[in-house]
Protein backbone atom coordinates (compact mmCIF):
# COMPACT_ATOMS: atom_id res chain seq x y z
CA GLY A 1 -43.82 -29.10 -8.57
CA GLY A 2 -45.17 -27.77 -5.26
CA VAL A 3 -48.68 -27.27 -6.60
CA VAL A 4 -48.76 -30.84 -7.92
CA LEU A 5 -47.44 -32.22 -4.62
CA SER A 6 -49.88 -30.21 -2.50
CA LEU A 7 -52.90 -31.18 -4.64
CA THR A 8 -51.82 -34.83 -4.43
CA LEU A 9 -51.55 -34.52 -0.64
CA LEU A 10 -54.94 -32.83 -0.56
CA GLY A 11 -56.40 -35.80 -2.44
CA PHE A 12 -54.83 -38.23 0.03
CA SER A 13 -56.09 -36.19 2.97
CA PHE A 14 -59.68 -36.72 1.73
CA HIS A 15 -59.15 -40.34 0.66
CA PRO A 16 -60.83 -42.90 2.92
CA GLY A 17 -57.98 -44.48 4.87
CA GLY A 18 -55.52 -41.97 3.42
CA LEU A 19 -53.71 -39.32 5.46
CA GLU A 20 -55.43 -39.59 8.80
CA VAL A 21 -53.55 -36.71 10.41
CA ASP A 22 -55.40 -33.92 12.19
CA GLY A 23 -55.27 -30.80 10.06
CA ALA A 24 -53.89 -32.58 6.97
CA PRO A 25 -56.39 -30.93 4.56
CA LEU A 26 -55.67 -27.50 6.03
CA MET A 27 -51.91 -27.96 5.82
CA ALA A 28 -52.12 -29.26 2.24
CA MET A 29 -54.23 -26.23 1.32
CA VAL A 30 -51.75 -23.83 2.96
CA ILE A 31 -48.90 -25.49 1.05
CA TYR A 32 -50.94 -25.21 -2.15
CA LEU A 33 -51.62 -21.52 -1.60
CA ALA A 34 -47.96 -20.80 -0.89
CA PHE A 35 -46.73 -22.54 -4.04
CA PHE A 36 -49.58 -21.21 -6.18
CA GLY A 37 -48.94 -17.64 -5.04
CA ALA A 38 -45.23 -17.94 -5.76
CA GLY A 39 -45.63 -19.47 -9.21
CA MET A 40 -48.87 -20.30 -10.99
CA GLY A 41 -50.69 -17.33 -9.49
CA SER A 42 -48.27 -14.58 -10.48
CA LEU A 43 -46.00 -15.83 -13.25
CA PRO A 44 -48.67 -16.07 -15.97
CA TRP A 45 -49.36 -12.35 -15.55
CA ILE A 46 -45.67 -11.52 -15.83
CA VAL A 47 -45.24 -13.68 -18.92
CA ASN A 48 -48.49 -12.24 -20.32
CA SER A 49 -47.07 -8.73 -20.12
CA GLU A 50 -44.00 -9.74 -22.14
CA ILE A 51 -45.02 -12.11 -24.91
CA TYR A 52 -47.36 -10.01 -27.05
CA PRO A 53 -46.27 -7.49 -29.66
CA LEU A 54 -46.70 -3.89 -28.45
CA GLN A 55 -49.45 -3.09 -30.96
CA ALA A 56 -51.63 -5.99 -29.72
CA ARG A 57 -50.61 -6.19 -26.06
CA SER A 58 -53.65 -4.52 -24.47
CA VAL A 59 -56.17 -6.54 -26.48
CA CYS A 60 -54.29 -9.80 -25.88
CA ILE A 61 -54.00 -9.19 -22.13
CA GLY A 62 -57.74 -8.42 -22.04
CA ILE A 63 -58.51 -11.70 -23.80
CA ALA A 64 -56.16 -13.63 -21.50
CA THR A 65 -57.77 -12.04 -18.43
CA ALA A 66 -61.25 -12.96 -19.65
CA ALA A 67 -60.11 -16.53 -20.38
CA ASN A 68 -58.63 -16.75 -16.87
CA TRP A 69 -61.89 -15.66 -15.24
CA VAL A 70 -63.94 -18.03 -17.38
CA ALA A 71 -61.64 -20.89 -16.39
CA ASN A 72 -61.94 -19.88 -12.71
CA PHE A 73 -65.72 -19.90 -13.05
CA VAL A 74 -65.74 -23.34 -14.73
CA VAL A 75 -63.58 -24.82 -11.94
CA ALA A 76 -65.77 -23.30 -9.23
CA ALA A 77 -69.05 -24.20 -10.94
CA THR A 78 -68.09 -27.82 -11.60
CA PHE A 79 -66.16 -28.70 -8.45
CA MET A 80 -68.99 -30.26 -6.44
CA ASP A 81 -70.21 -32.43 -9.33
CA LEU A 82 -66.65 -33.38 -10.25
CA ALA A 83 -65.80 -34.17 -6.62
CA GLY A 84 -68.78 -36.49 -6.35
CA ALA A 85 -68.17 -38.16 -9.68
CA LEU A 86 -64.46 -38.78 -9.10
CA SER A 87 -64.64 -39.71 -5.42
CA THR A 88 -63.20 -43.10 -4.55
CA ASP A 89 -65.75 -43.46 -1.73
CA ARG A 90 -69.06 -44.49 -3.33
CA ASP A 91 -70.82 -44.58 0.06
CA CYS A 92 -70.14 -40.92 0.90
CA PRO A 93 -68.66 -39.12 -2.11
CA SER A 94 -69.48 -35.63 -0.84
CA SER A 95 -67.11 -36.11 2.13
CA HIS A 96 -64.28 -37.55 0.04
CA PRO A 97 -63.45 -35.34 -2.97
CA ASP A 98 -60.07 -37.04 -3.40
CA GLY A 99 -60.44 -37.76 -7.12
CA ALA A 100 -61.09 -34.12 -8.00
CA PHE A 101 -57.86 -33.03 -6.33
CA TRP A 102 -55.94 -35.80 -8.06
CA LEU A 103 -57.38 -34.67 -11.40
CA TYR A 104 -56.27 -31.11 -10.65
CA ALA A 105 -52.82 -32.44 -9.71
CA LEU A 106 -52.63 -34.31 -13.03
CA VAL A 107 -53.65 -31.22 -15.02
CA SER A 108 -51.06 -29.18 -13.11
CA ALA A 109 -48.35 -31.78 -13.78
CA VAL A 110 -49.12 -31.85 -17.51
CA GLY A 111 -49.03 -28.03 -17.58
CA PHE A 112 -45.75 -27.97 -15.65
CA VAL A 113 -44.08 -30.40 -18.07
CA GLY A 114 -45.46 -28.54 -21.09
CA LEU A 115 -44.18 -25.21 -19.82
CA PHE A 116 -40.84 -26.67 -18.78
CA PHE A 117 -40.17 -27.94 -22.29
CA GLY A 118 -42.10 -25.35 -24.31
CA MET A 119 -41.54 -21.97 -22.65
CA PRO A 120 -38.35 -20.25 -23.77
CA GLU A 121 -36.23 -18.25 -21.32
CA THR A 122 -36.79 -14.49 -21.59
CA LYS A 123 -34.39 -13.33 -18.87
CA GLY A 124 -32.19 -10.49 -20.06
CA LEU A 125 -34.07 -9.94 -23.32
CA THR A 126 -35.71 -6.68 -24.35
CA LEU A 127 -39.44 -6.60 -25.11
CA GLU A 128 -38.61 -6.41 -28.83
CA GLU A 129 -36.34 -9.47 -28.58
CA ILE A 130 -39.05 -11.34 -26.68
CA SER A 131 -41.60 -10.46 -29.38
CA ASP A 132 -39.19 -11.73 -32.02
CA LEU A 133 -38.59 -14.88 -29.98
CA PHE A 134 -42.29 -15.73 -29.85
CA GLU A 135 -42.75 -14.84 -33.51
CA GLY A 136 -39.98 -17.34 -34.34
CA LYS A 137 -37.56 -14.90 -35.94
CA ALA A 138 -34.17 -16.61 -36.27
CA ASN A 139 -31.91 -13.56 -35.78
CA THR A 140 -33.03 -12.92 -32.21
CA PRO A 141 -30.13 -13.01 -29.75
CA GLY A 142 -30.54 -15.14 -26.66
CA PRO A 143 -32.39 -18.43 -26.20
CA LYS A 144 -34.36 -19.92 -29.06
CA PRO A 145 -37.85 -21.45 -28.76
CA GLN A 146 -37.75 -25.23 -28.45
CA ASP A 147 -39.44 -27.43 -31.02
C-alpha cells in the first residue's frame, strides 16, 4: 500500500500543475524508500528462502536473484525512454516523468493485490510444511493455498 501511494505521489509531484510543494518529490521518494525497505525490498528474500524444496533451494534462489537483477537492469535502462513516452507534458517530457511513476504504481498495485490473494500464510509452519504447502499437498497442517 505504501509503495503504491508514494509512487502515485511521486507522479503527482512531477505532474504539471500537480503537487506544487517545495520538496514534494524528495519527500515522496523518502516515503517510497521507507515502505520499499520494510516490505518489497526485504520480504521477497525471506519468502524466497522458505518456498523451495531443500534439494532445489540453492539453484532456485540463484535463479531468483538473477531474475531480480535483470529486472532491476530493465527498469534502470528503460526509465528515461519510458518517462518521456508516458509524460503528460508534451512540451517538456524530460522534466515531467509523471506517467512512468504512475505506471510503476499500477504495477505495484497489481502485484500487491495478487500477493494478497495468492500468497498463503507461512507463519508457524516448518520448512517441510511450507514445501508441502507450495506443492499443494492436502495433508499439510496450517493454512491452505488459495485458488
